Amino acid sequence: MNQHGSDRQGAAQQGVKQQRTCVGCRSRAARADLLRVVAVGGVIVPDPRKRLPGRGASLHPDSGCLEQAIRRRAFSRALRLEASPDSSVLLRYVQGSEET
């Protein structure tokens, strides 16, 4: 038992897939199916390796979810930004990944 009184092990050790919510469509999906994005100097950049420092948000890597997130201003809320971020780098990344 741990200090909180449960026998629970880490989710990764139990083989349970970690779930995240897409900031665009708001549906839950496995972490591996979503693209992590972070804000770097007011610009939203993709983090496909999930290694960049800072607060991240999850997004399905398709243009529909990206458009919804931009329209809803979801990146500002999820990443706790004061100003609207530049999403042009992320848009190019998503469009490029849809073509392949």
PDB file of N, CA and C in Angstrom:
ATOM      1  N   MET A   1       0.834  -1.189   0.000  1.00  0.00           N
ATOM      2  CA  MET A   1       0.000   0.000   0.000  1.00  0.00           C
ATOM      3  C   MET A   1       0.875   1.247   0.000  1.00  0.00           C
ATOM      4  N   ASN A   2       0.403   2.270  -0.706  1.00  0.00           N
ATOM      5  CA  ASN A   2       1.141   3.529  -0.701  1.00  0.00           C
ATOM      6  C   ASN A   2       0.594   4.446   0.379  1.00  0.00           C
ATOM      7  N   GLN A   3       1.085   5.664   0.447  1.00  0.00           N
ATOM      8  CA  GLN A   3       0.696   6.579   1.521  1.00  0.00           C
ATOM      9  C   GLN A   3      -0.774   6.991   1.452  1.00  0.00           C
ATOM     10  N   HIS A   4      -1.419   6.778   0.294  1.00  0.00           N
ATOM     11  CA  HIS A   4      -2.823   7.152   0.160  1.00  0.00           C
ATOM     12  C   HIS A   4      -3.756   5.973   0.430  1.00  0.00           C
ATOM     13  N   GLY A   5      -3.199   4.841   0.824  1.00  0.00           N
ATOM     14  CA  GLY A   5      -4.009   3.702   1.217  1.00  0.00           C
ATOM     15  C   GLY A   5      -4.493   2.826   0.075  1.00  0.00           C
ATOM     16  N   SER A   6      -3.775   2.805  -1.041  1.00  0.00           N
ATOM     17  CA  SER A   6      -4.203   1.928  -2.127  1.00  0.00           C
ATOM     18  C   SER A   6      -3.025   1.091  -2.611  1.00  0.00           C
ATOM     19  N   ASP A   7      -3.359   0.008  -3.288  1.00  0.00           N
ATOM     20  CA  ASP A   7      -2.352  -0.879  -3.858  1.00  0.00           C
ATOM     21  C   ASP A   7      -2.034  -0.503  -5.302  1.00  0.00           C
ATOM     22  N   ARG A   8      -2.551   0.578  -5.767  1.00  0.00           N
ATOM     23  CA  ARG A   8      -2.448   0.962  -7.176  1.00  0.00           C
ATOM     24  C   ARG A   8      -1.008   1.167  -7.613  1.00  0.00           C
ATOM     25  N   GLN A   9      -0.649   0.543  -8.727  1.00  0.00           N
ATOM     26  CA  GLN A   9       0.661   0.755  -9.337  1.00  0.00           C
ATOM     27  C   GLN A   9       0.488   1.795 -10.426  1.00  0.00           C
ATOM     28  N   GLY A  10       1.597   2.216 -11.017  1.00  0.00           N
ATOM     29  CA  GLY A  10       1.517   3.164 -12.128  1.00  0.00           C
ATOM     30  C   GLY A  10       0.776   2.572 -13.304  1.00  0.00           C
ATOM     31  N   ALA A  11       0.060   3.415 -14.053  1.00  0.00           N
ATOM     32  CA  ALA A  11      -0.737   2.948 -15.184  1.00  0.00           C
ATOM     33  C   ALA A  11       0.138   2.267 -16.232  1.00  0.00           C
ATOM     34  N   ALA A  12       1.342   2.773 -16.441  1.00  0.00           N
ATOM     35  CA  ALA A  12       2.231   2.181 -17.432  1.00  0.00           C
ATOM     36  C   ALA A  12       2.644   0.769 -17.027  1.00  0.00           C
ATOM     37  N   GLN A  13       2.821   0.537 -15.739  1.00  0.00           N
ATOM     38  CA  GLN A  13       3.212  -0.785 -15.278  1.00  0.00           C
ATOM     39  C   GLN A  13       2.074  -1.781 -15.429  1.00  0.00           C
ATOM     40  N   GLN A  14       0.847  -1.327 -15.333  1.00  0.00           N
ATOM     41  CA  GLN A  14      -0.299  -2.212 -15.437  1.00  0.00           C
ATOM     42  C   GLN A  14      -0.720  -2.449 -16.879  1.00  0.00           C
ATOM     43  N   GLY A  15      -0.126  -1.737 -17.826  1.00  0.00           N
ATOM     44  CA  GLY A  15      -0.489  -1.908 -19.220  1.00  0.00           C
ATOM     45  C   GLY A  15      -1.721  -1.122 -19.631  1.00  0.00           C
ATOM     46  N   VAL A  16      -2.188  -0.207 -18.802  1.00  0.00           N
ATOM     47  CA  VAL A  16      -3.345   0.614 -19.115  1.00  0.00           C
ATOM     48  C   VAL A  16      -2.884   1.779 -19.982  1.00  0.00           C
ATOM     49  N   LYS A  17      -3.597   2.023 -21.085  1.00  0.00           N
ATOM     50  CA  LYS A  17      -3.236   3.137 -21.961  1.00  0.00           C
ATOM     51  C   LYS A  17      -3.623   4.453 -21.321  1.00  0.00           C
ATOM     52  N   GLN A  18      -2.701   5.401 -21.378  1.00  0.00           N
ATOM     53  CA  GLN A  18      -2.977   6.716 -20.831  1.00  0.00           C
ATOM     54  C   GLN A  18      -3.904   7.466 -21.767  1.00  0.00           C
ATOM     55  N   GLN A  19      -4.884   8.141 -21.221  1.00  0.00           N
ATOM     56  CA  GLN A  19      -5.875   8.872 -21.993  1.00  0.00           C
ATOM     57  C   GLN A  19      -5.634  10.375 -21.887  1.00  0.00           C
ATOM     58  N   ARG A  20      -5.878  11.079 -22.972  1.00  0.00           N
ATOM     59  CA  ARG A  20      -5.801  12.532 -23.010  1.00  0.00           C
ATOM     60  C   ARG A  20      -7.030  13.032 -23.762  1.00  0.00           C
ATOM     61  N   THR A  21      -7.344  14.311 -23.606  1.00  0.00           N
ATOM     62  CA  THR A  21      -8.462  14.922 -24.304  1.00  0.00           C
ATOM     63  C   THR A  21      -7.943  15.833 -25.398  1.00  0.00           C
ATOM     64  N   CYS A  22      -8.472  15.676 -26.597  1.00  0.00           N
ATOM     65  CA  CYS A  22      -8.101  16.536 -27.723  1.00  0.00           C
ATOM     66  C   CYS A  22      -8.683  17.924 -27.473  1.00  0.00           C
ATOM     67  N   VAL A  23      -7.861  18.965 -27.591  1.00  0.00           N
ATOM     68  CA  VAL A  23      -8.352  20.328 -27.355  1.00  0.00           C
ATOM     69  C   VAL A  23      -9.238  20.807 -28.499  1.00  0.00           C
ATOM     70  N   GLY A  24      -9.232  20.110 -29.625  1.00  0.00           N
ATOM     71  CA  GLY A  24     -10.076  20.494 -30.753  1.00  0.00           C
ATOM     72  C   GLY A  24     -11.473  19.920 -30.640  1.00  0.00           C
ATOM     73  N   CYS A  25     -11.590  18.601 -30.700  1.00  0.00           N
ATOM     74  CA  CYS A  25     -12.907  17.953 -30.694  1.00  0.00           C
ATOM     75  C   CYS A  25     -13.388  17.568 -29.296  1.00  0.00           C
ATOM     76  N   ARG A  26     -12.517  17.682 -28.306  1.00  0.00           N
ATOM     77  CA  ARG A  26     -12.826  17.391 -26.903  1.00  0.00           C
ATOM     78  C   ARG A  26     -13.123  15.912 -26.637  1.00  0.00           C
ATOM     79  N   SER A  27     -12.749  15.018 -27.534  1.00  0.00           N
ATOM     80  CA  SER A  27     -12.945  13.593 -27.276  1.00  0.00           C
ATOM     81  C   SER A  27     -11.670  13.022 -26.656  1.00  0.00           C
ATOM     82  N   ARG A  28     -11.844  11.967 -25.881  1.00  0.00           N
ATOM     83  CA  ARG A  28     -10.707  11.330 -25.228  1.00  0.00           C
ATOM     84  C   ARG A  28     -10.145  10.257 -26.150  1.00  0.00           C
ATOM     85  N   ALA A  29      -8.820  10.144 -26.126  1.00  0.00           N
ATOM     86  CA  ALA A  29      -8.136   9.150 -26.956  1.00  0.00           C
ATOM     87  C   ALA A  29      -6.856   8.743 -26.247  1.00  0.00           C
ATOM     88  N   ALA A  30      -6.280   7.655 -26.710  1.00  0.00           N
ATOM     89  CA  ALA A  30      -5.014   7.195 -26.153  1.00  0.00           C
ATOM     90  C   ALA A  30      -3.940   8.246 -26.420  1.00  0.00           C
ATOM     91  N   ARG A  31      -3.065   8.413 -25.478  1.00  0.00           N
ATOM     92  CA  ARG A  31      -1.995   9.405 -25.585  1.00  0.00           C
ATOM     93  C   ARG A  31      -1.192   9.217 -26.871  1.00  0.00           C
ATOM     94  N   ALA A  32      -0.978   7.973 -27.265  1.00  0.00           N
ATOM     95  CA  ALA A  32      -0.197   7.669 -28.462  1.00  0.00           C
ATOM     96  C   ALA A  32      -0.885   8.135 -29.741  1.00  0.00           C
ATOM     97  N   ASP A  33      -2.209   8.291 -29.720  1.00  0.00           N
ATOM     98  CA  ASP A  33      -2.958   8.704 -30.909  1.00  0.00           C
ATOM     99  C   ASP A  33      -3.028  10.219 -31.067  1.00  0.00           C
ATOM    100  N   LEU A  34      -2.604  10.953 -30.052  1.00  0.00           N
ATOM    101  CA  LEU A  34      -2.691  12.414 -30.076  1.00  0.00           C
ATOM    102  C   LEU A  34      -1.315  13.033 -30.233  1.00  0.00           C
ATOM    103  N   LEU A  35      -1.289  14.215 -30.807  1.00  0.00           N
ATOM    104  CA  LEU A  35      -0.062  14.985 -30.971  1.00  0.00           C
ATOM    105  C   LEU A  35       0.051  15.968 -29.808  1.00  0.00           C
ATOM    106  N   ARG A  36       1.178  15.975 -29.135  1.00  0.00           N
ATOM    107  CA  ARG A  36       1.410  16.946 -28.060  1.00  0.00           C
ATOM    108  C   ARG A  36       1.920  18.230 -28.701  1.00  0.00           C
ATOM    109  N   VAL A  37       1.403  19.362 -28.260  1.00  0.00           N
ATOM    110  CA  VAL A  37       1.860  20.661 -28.733  1.00  0.00           C
ATOM    111  C   VAL A  37       2.239  21.509 -27.529  1.00  0.00           C
ATOM    112  N   VAL A  38       3.201  22.400 -27.719  1.00  0.00           N
ATOM    113  CA  VAL A  38       3.638  23.314 -26.666  1.00  0.00           C
ATOM    114  C   VAL A  38       3.789  24.706 -27.267  1.00  0.00           C
ATOM    115  N   ALA A  39       3.792  25.708 -26.408  1.00  0.00           N
ATOM    116  CA  ALA A  39       4.013  27.086 -26.841  1.00  0.00           C
ATOM    117  C   ALA A  39       5.470  27.441 -26.596  1.00  0.00           C
ATOM    118  N   VAL A  40       6.129  27.922 -27.645  1.00  0.00           N
ATOM    119  CA  VAL A  40       7.511  28.368 -27.544  1.00  0.00           C
ATOM    120  C   VAL A  40       7.548  29.798 -28.047  1.00  0.00           C
ATOM    121  N   GLY A  41       7.678  30.741 -27.135  1.00  0.00           N
ATOM    122  CA  GLY A  41       7.722  32.149 -27.524  1.00  0.00           C
ATOM    123  C   GLY A  41       6.465  32.634 -28.221  1.00  0.00           C
ATOM    124  N   GLY A  42       5.306  32.185 -27.814  1.00  0.00           N
ATOM    125  CA  GLY A  42       4.052  32.616 -28.418  1.00  0.00           C
ATOM    126  C   GLY A  42       3.685  31.885 -29.700  1.00  0.00           C
ATOM    127  N   VAL A  43       4.451  30.852 -30.045  1.00  0.00           N
ATOM    128  CA  VAL A  43       4.182  30.057 -31.245  1.00  0.00           C
ATOM    129  C   VAL A  43       3.870  28.633 -30.809  1.00  0.00           C
ATOM    130  N   ILE A  44       2.781  28.078 -31.336  1.00  0.00           N
ATOM    131  CA  ILE A  44       2.417  26.699 -31.029  1.00  0.00           C
ATOM    132  C   ILE A  44       3.236  25.785 -31.940  1.00  0.00           C
ATOM    133  N   VAL A  45       4.007  24.888 -31.338  1.00  0.00           N
ATOM    134  CA  VAL A  45       4.847  23.973 -32.117  1.00  0.00           C
ATOM    135  C   VAL A  45       4.493  22.529 -31.772  1.00  0.00           C
ATOM    136  N   PRO A  46       4.581  21.643 -32.755  1.00  0.00           N
ATOM    137  CA  PRO A  46       4.317  20.227 -32.487  1.00  0.00           C
ATOM    138  C   PRO A  46       5.456  19.608 -31.687  1.00  0.00           C
ATOM    139  N   ASP A  47       5.111  18.653 -30.859  1.00  0.00           N
ATOM    140  CA  ASP A  47       6.099  17.925 -30.060  1.00  0.00           C
ATOM    141  C   ASP A  47       5.836  16.424 -30.234  1.00  0.00           C
ATOM    142  N   PRO A  48       6.123  15.882 -31.432  1.00  0.00           N
ATOM    143  CA  PRO A  48       5.794  14.478 -31.682  1.00  0.00           C
ATOM    144  C   PRO A  48       6.530  13.498 -30.777  1.00  0.00           C
ATOM    145  N   ARG A  49       7.716  13.858 -30.288  1.00  0.00           N
ATOM    146  CA  ARG A  49       8.453  12.966 -29.384  1.00  0.00           C
ATOM    147  C   ARG A  49       8.022  13.131 -27.929  1.00  0.00           C
ATOM    148  N   LYS A  50       7.173  14.120 -27.670  1.00  0.00           N
ATOM    149  CA  LYS A  50       6.645  14.390 -26.317  1.00  0.00           C
ATOM    150  C   LYS A  50       7.762  14.651 -25.314  1.00  0.00           C
ATOM    151  N   ARG A  51       8.745  15.455 -25.731  1.00  0.00           N
ATOM    152  CA  ARG A  51       9.918  15.709 -24.897  1.00  0.00           C
ATOM    153  C   ARG A  51      10.188  17.184 -24.616  1.00  0.00           C
ATOM    154  N   LEU A  52       9.516  18.093 -25.324  1.00  0.00           N
ATOM    155  CA  LEU A  52       9.793  19.517 -25.111  1.00  0.00           C
ATOM    156  C   LEU A  52       9.334  19.942 -23.722  1.00  0.00           C
ATOM    157  N   PRO A  53      10.057  20.868 -23.112  1.00  0.00           N
ATOM    158  CA  PRO A  53       9.665  21.319 -21.775  1.00  0.00           C
ATOM    159  C   PRO A  53       8.445  22.232 -21.843  1.00  0.00           C
ATOM    160  N   GLY A  54       7.787  22.340 -20.725  1.00  0.00           N
ATOM    161  CA  GLY A  54       6.658  23.261 -20.613  1.00  0.00           C
ATOM    162  C   GLY A  54       5.320  22.553 -20.654  1.00  0.00           C
ATOM    163  N   ARG A  55       4.297  23.351 -20.441  1.00  0.00           N
ATOM    164  CA  ARG A  55       2.941  22.832 -20.425  1.00  0.00           C
ATOM    165  C   ARG A  55       2.538  22.421 -21.831  1.00  0.00           C
ATOM    166  N   GLY A  56       1.921  21.276 -21.958  1.00  0.00           N
ATOM    167  CA  GLY A  56       1.517  20.784 -23.262  1.00  0.00           C
ATOM    168  C   GLY A  56       0.017  20.609 -23.366  1.00  0.00           C
ATOM    169  N   ALA A  57      -0.445  20.508 -24.600  1.00  0.00           N
ATOM    170  CA  ALA A  57      -1.846  20.221 -24.890  1.00  0.00           C
ATOM    171  C   ALA A  57      -1.857  19.111 -25.926  1.00  0.00           C
ATOM    172  N   SER A  58      -2.937  18.353 -25.978  1.00  0.00           N
ATOM    173  CA  SER A  58      -3.039  17.229 -26.911  1.00  0.00           C
ATOM    174  C   SER A  58      -4.056  17.541 -27.994  1.00  0.00           C
ATOM    175  N   LEU A  59      -3.757  17.060 -29.203  1.00  0.00           N
ATOM    176  CA  LEU A  59      -4.590  17.356 -30.363  1.00  0.00           C
ATOM    177  C   LEU A  59      -4.518  16.185 -31.339  1.00  0.00           C
ATOM    178  N   HIS A  60      -5.668  15.802 -31.917  1.00  0.00           N
ATOM    179  CA  HIS A  60      -5.624  14.829 -33.007  1.00  0.00           C
ATOM    180  C   HIS A  60      -4.867  15.492 -34.152  1.00  0.00           C
ATOM    181  N   PRO A  61      -3.961  14.786 -34.799  1.00  0.00           N
ATOM    182  CA  PRO A  61      -3.160  15.410 -35.862  1.00  0.00           C
ATOM    183  C   PRO A  61      -3.914  15.508 -37.183  1.00  0.00           C
ATOM    184  N   ASP A  62      -5.074  16.173 -37.177  1.00  0.00           N
ATOM    185  CA  ASP A  62      -5.803  16.412 -38.416  1.00  0.00           C
ATOM    186  C   ASP A  62      -6.308  17.848 -38.442  1.00  0.00           C
ATOM    187  N   SER A  63      -6.540  18.346 -39.640  1.00  0.00           N
ATOM    188  CA  SER A  63      -6.881  19.759 -39.797  1.00  0.00           C
ATOM    189  C   SER A  63      -8.236  20.109 -39.184  1.00  0.00           C
ATOM    190  N   GLY A  64      -9.165  19.168 -39.136  1.00  0.00           N
ATOM    191  CA  GLY A  64     -10.475  19.433 -38.544  1.00  0.00           C
ATOM    192  C   GLY A  64     -10.367  19.783 -37.068  1.00  0.00           C
ATOM    193  N   CYS A  65      -9.624  18.982 -36.323  1.00  0.00           N
ATOM    194  CA  CYS A  65      -9.452  19.255 -34.887  1.00  0.00           C
ATOM    195  C   CYS A  65      -8.646  20.532 -34.669  1.00  0.00           C
ATOM    196  N   LEU A  66      -7.653  20.761 -35.516  1.00  0.00           N
ATOM    197  CA  LEU A  66      -6.857  21.981 -35.392  1.00  0.00           C
ATOM    198  C   LEU A  66      -7.723  23.206 -35.625  1.00  0.00           C
ATOM    199  N   GLU A  67      -8.569  23.190 -36.641  1.00  0.00           N
ATOM    200  CA  GLU A  67      -9.450  24.328 -36.915  1.00  0.00           C
ATOM    201  C   GLU A  67     -10.407  24.577 -35.761  1.00  0.00           C
ATOM    202  N   GLN A  68     -10.950  23.508 -35.175  1.00  0.00           N
ATOM    203  CA  GLN A  68     -11.849  23.661 -34.027  1.00  0.00           C
ATOM    204  C   GLN A  68     -11.111  24.282 -32.845  1.00  0.00           C
ATOM    205  N   ALA A  69      -9.892  23.826 -32.599  1.00  0.00           N
ATOM    206  CA  ALA A  69      -9.119  24.352 -31.470  1.00  0.00           C
ATOM    207  C   ALA A  69      -8.816  25.835 -31.666  1.00  0.00           C
ATOM    208  N   ILE A  70      -8.468  26.225 -32.886  1.00  0.00           N
ATOM    209  CA  ILE A  70      -8.188  27.635 -33.161  1.00  0.00           C
ATOM    210  C   ILE A  70      -9.459  28.464 -33.002  1.00  0.00           C
ATOM    211  N   ARG A  71     -10.563  27.988 -33.554  1.00  0.00           N
ATOM    212  CA  ARG A  71     -11.829  28.726 -33.474  1.00  0.00           C
ATOM    213  C   ARG A  71     -12.288  28.896 -32.029  1.00  0.00           C
ATOM    214  N   ARG A  72     -12.095  27.876 -31.208  1.00  0.00           N
ATOM    215  CA  ARG A  72     -12.514  27.927 -29.800  1.00  0.00           C
ATOM    216  C   ARG A  72     -11.495  28.603 -28.890  1.00  0.00           C
ATOM    217  N   ARG A  73     -10.342  28.988 -29.450  1.00  0.00           N
ATOM    218  CA  ARG A  73      -9.241  29.582 -28.670  1.00  0.00           C
ATOM    219  C   ARG A  73      -8.791  28.624 -27.558  1.00  0.00           C
ATOM    220  N   ALA A  74      -8.789  27.346 -27.885  1.00  0.00           N
ATOM    221  CA  ALA A  74      -8.474  26.311 -26.901  1.00  0.00           C
ATOM    222  C   ALA A  74      -7.000  26.301 -26.509  1.00  0.00           C
ATOM    223  N   PHE A  75      -6.109  26.692 -27.416  1.00  0.00           N
ATOM    224  CA  PHE A  75      -4.682  26.671 -27.085  1.00  0.00           C
ATOM    225  C   PHE A  75      -4.357  27.680 -25.994  1.00  0.00           C
ATOM    226  N   SER A  76      -4.964  28.855 -26.060  1.00  0.00           N
ATOM    227  CA  SER A  76      -4.711  29.869 -25.032  1.00  0.00           C
ATOM    228  C   SER A  76      -5.106  29.354 -23.656  1.00  0.00           C
ATOM    229  N   ARG A  77      -6.252  28.693 -23.576  1.00  0.00           N
ATOM    230  CA  ARG A  77      -6.719  28.164 -22.286  1.00  0.00           C
ATOM    231  C   ARG A  77      -5.875  26.989 -21.824  1.00  0.00           C
ATOM    232  N   ALA A  78      -5.671  26.017 -22.714  1.00  0.00           N
ATOM    233  CA  ALA A  78      -4.967  24.793 -22.329  1.00  0.00           C
ATOM    234  C   ALA A  78      -3.512  25.060 -21.952  1.00  0.00           C
ATOM    235  N   LEU A  79      -2.888  25.998 -22.656  1.00  0.00           N
ATOM    236  CA  LEU A  79      -1.474  26.281 -22.398  1.00  0.00           C
ATOM    237  C   LEU A  79      -1.277  27.475 -21.476  1.00  0.00           C
ATOM    238  N   ARG A  80      -2.388  28.039 -21.020  1.00  0.00           N
ATOM    239  CA  ARG A  80      -2.369  29.181 -20.090  1.00  0.00           C
ATOM    240  C   ARG A  80      -1.573  30.360 -20.647  1.00  0.00           C
ATOM    241  N   LEU A  81      -1.969  30.765 -21.856  1.00  0.00           N
ATOM    242  CA  LEU A  81      -1.322  31.890 -22.518  1.00  0.00           C
ATOM    243  C   LEU A  81      -2.208  33.121 -22.403  1.00  0.00           C
ATOM    244  N   GLU A  82      -1.595  34.275 -22.302  1.00  0.00           N
ATOM    245  CA  GLU A  82      -2.372  35.506 -22.188  1.00  0.00           C
ATOM    246  C   GLU A  82      -2.825  36.016 -23.554  1.00  0.00           C
ATOM    247  N   ALA A  83      -1.993  35.859 -24.572  1.00  0.00           N
ATOM    248  CA  ALA A  83      -2.318  36.340 -25.911  1.00  0.00           C
ATOM    249  C   ALA A  83      -2.629  35.155 -26.824  1.00  0.00           C
ATOM    250  N   SER A  84      -3.287  35.440 -27.934  1.00  0.00           N
ATOM    251  CA  SER A  84      -3.555  34.383 -28.910  1.00  0.00           C
ATOM    252  C   SER A  84      -2.246  33.946 -29.554  1.00  0.00           C
ATOM    253  N   PRO A  85      -1.950  32.659 -29.533  1.00  0.00           N
ATOM    254  CA  PRO A  85      -0.672  32.176 -30.083  1.00  0.00           C
ATOM    255  C   PRO A  85      -0.714  32.070 -31.605  1.00  0.00           C
ATOM    256  N   ASP A  86       0.452  32.042 -32.200  1.00  0.00           N
ATOM    257  CA  ASP A  86       0.612  31.832 -33.636  1.00  0.00           C
ATOM    258  C   ASP A  86       0.598  30.329 -33.889  1.00  0.00           C
ATOM    259  N   SER A  87      -0.325  29.860 -34.682  1.00  0.00           N
ATOM    260  CA  SER A  87      -0.437  28.415 -34.935  1.00  0.00           C
ATOM    261  C   SER A  87      -0.010  28.039 -36.354  1.00  0.00           C
ATOM    262  N   SER A  88       0.679  28.916 -37.063  1.00  0.00           N
ATOM    263  CA  SER A  88       1.062  28.642 -38.451  1.00  0.00           C
ATOM    264  C   SER A  88       2.034  27.464 -38.567  1.00  0.00           C
ATOM    265  N   VAL A  89       2.972  27.340 -37.632  1.00  0.00           N
ATOM    266  CA  VAL A  89       3.921  26.224 -37.666  1.00  0.00           C
ATOM    267  C   VAL A  89       3.175  24.898 -37.485  1.00  0.00           C
ATOM    268  N   LEU A  90       2.247  24.867 -36.554  1.00  0.00           N
ATOM    269  CA  LEU A  90       1.456  23.661 -36.303  1.00  0.00           C
ATOM    270  C   LEU A  90       0.563  23.342 -37.504  1.00  0.00           C
ATOM    271  N   LEU A  91      -0.007  24.352 -38.117  1.00  0.00           N
ATOM    272  CA  LEU A  91      -0.853  24.143 -39.295  1.00  0.00           C
ATOM    273  C   LEU A  91      -0.061  23.491 -40.425  1.00  0.00           C
ATOM    274  N   ARG A  92       1.148  23.980 -40.687  1.00  0.00           N
ATOM    275  CA  ARG A  92       1.990  23.381 -41.729  1.00  0.00           C
ATOM    276  C   ARG A  92       2.339  21.930 -41.382  1.00  0.00           C
ATOM    277  N   TYR A  93       2.620  21.668 -40.102  1.00  0.00           N
ATOM    278  CA  TYR A  93       2.965  20.308 -39.669  1.00  0.00           C
ATOM    279  C   TYR A  93       1.781  19.360 -39.887  1.00  0.00           C
ATOM    280  N   VAL A  94       0.599  19.776 -39.492  1.00  0.00           N
ATOM    281  CA  VAL A  94      -0.588  18.921 -39.613  1.00  0.00           C
ATOM    282  C   VAL A  94      -0.926  18.689 -41.091  1.00  0.00           C
ATOM    283  N   GLN A  95      -0.857  19.733 -41.897  1.00  0.00           N
ATOM    284  CA  GLN A  95      -1.137  19.573 -43.324  1.00  0.00           C
ATOM    285  C   GLN A  95      -0.118  18.636 -43.971  1.00  0.00           C
ATOM    286  N   GLY A  96       1.137  18.736 -43.566  1.00  0.00           N
ATOM    287  CA  GLY A  96       2.171  17.851 -44.095  1.00  0.00           C
ATOM    288  C   GLY A  96       1.968  16.408 -43.682  1.00  0.00           C
ATOM    289  N   SER A  97       1.490  16.185 -42.460  1.00  0.00           N
ATOM    290  CA  SER A  97       1.286  14.813 -42.002  1.00  0.00           C
ATOM    291  C   SER A  97       0.048  14.176 -42.656  1.00  0.00           C
ATOM    292  N   GLU A  98      -0.922  14.994 -43.081  1.00  0.00           N
ATOM    293  CA  GLU A  98      -2.103  14.455 -43.746  1.00  0.00           C
ATOM    294  C   GLU A  98      -1.794  14.042 -45.171  1.00  0.00           C
ATOM    295  N   GLU A  99      -0.802  14.671 -45.795  1.00  0.00           N
ATOM    296  CA  GLU A  99      -0.458  14.361 -47.180  1.00  0.00           C
ATOM    297  C   GLU A  99       0.283  13.033 -47.303  1.00  0.00           C
ATOM    298  N   THR A 100       0.968  12.621 -46.253  1.00  0.00           N
ATOM    299  CA  THR A 100       1.751  11.386 -46.326  1.00  0.00           C
ATOM    300  C   THR A 100       0.958  10.184 -45.882  1.00  0.00           C
TER     301      THR A 100
END
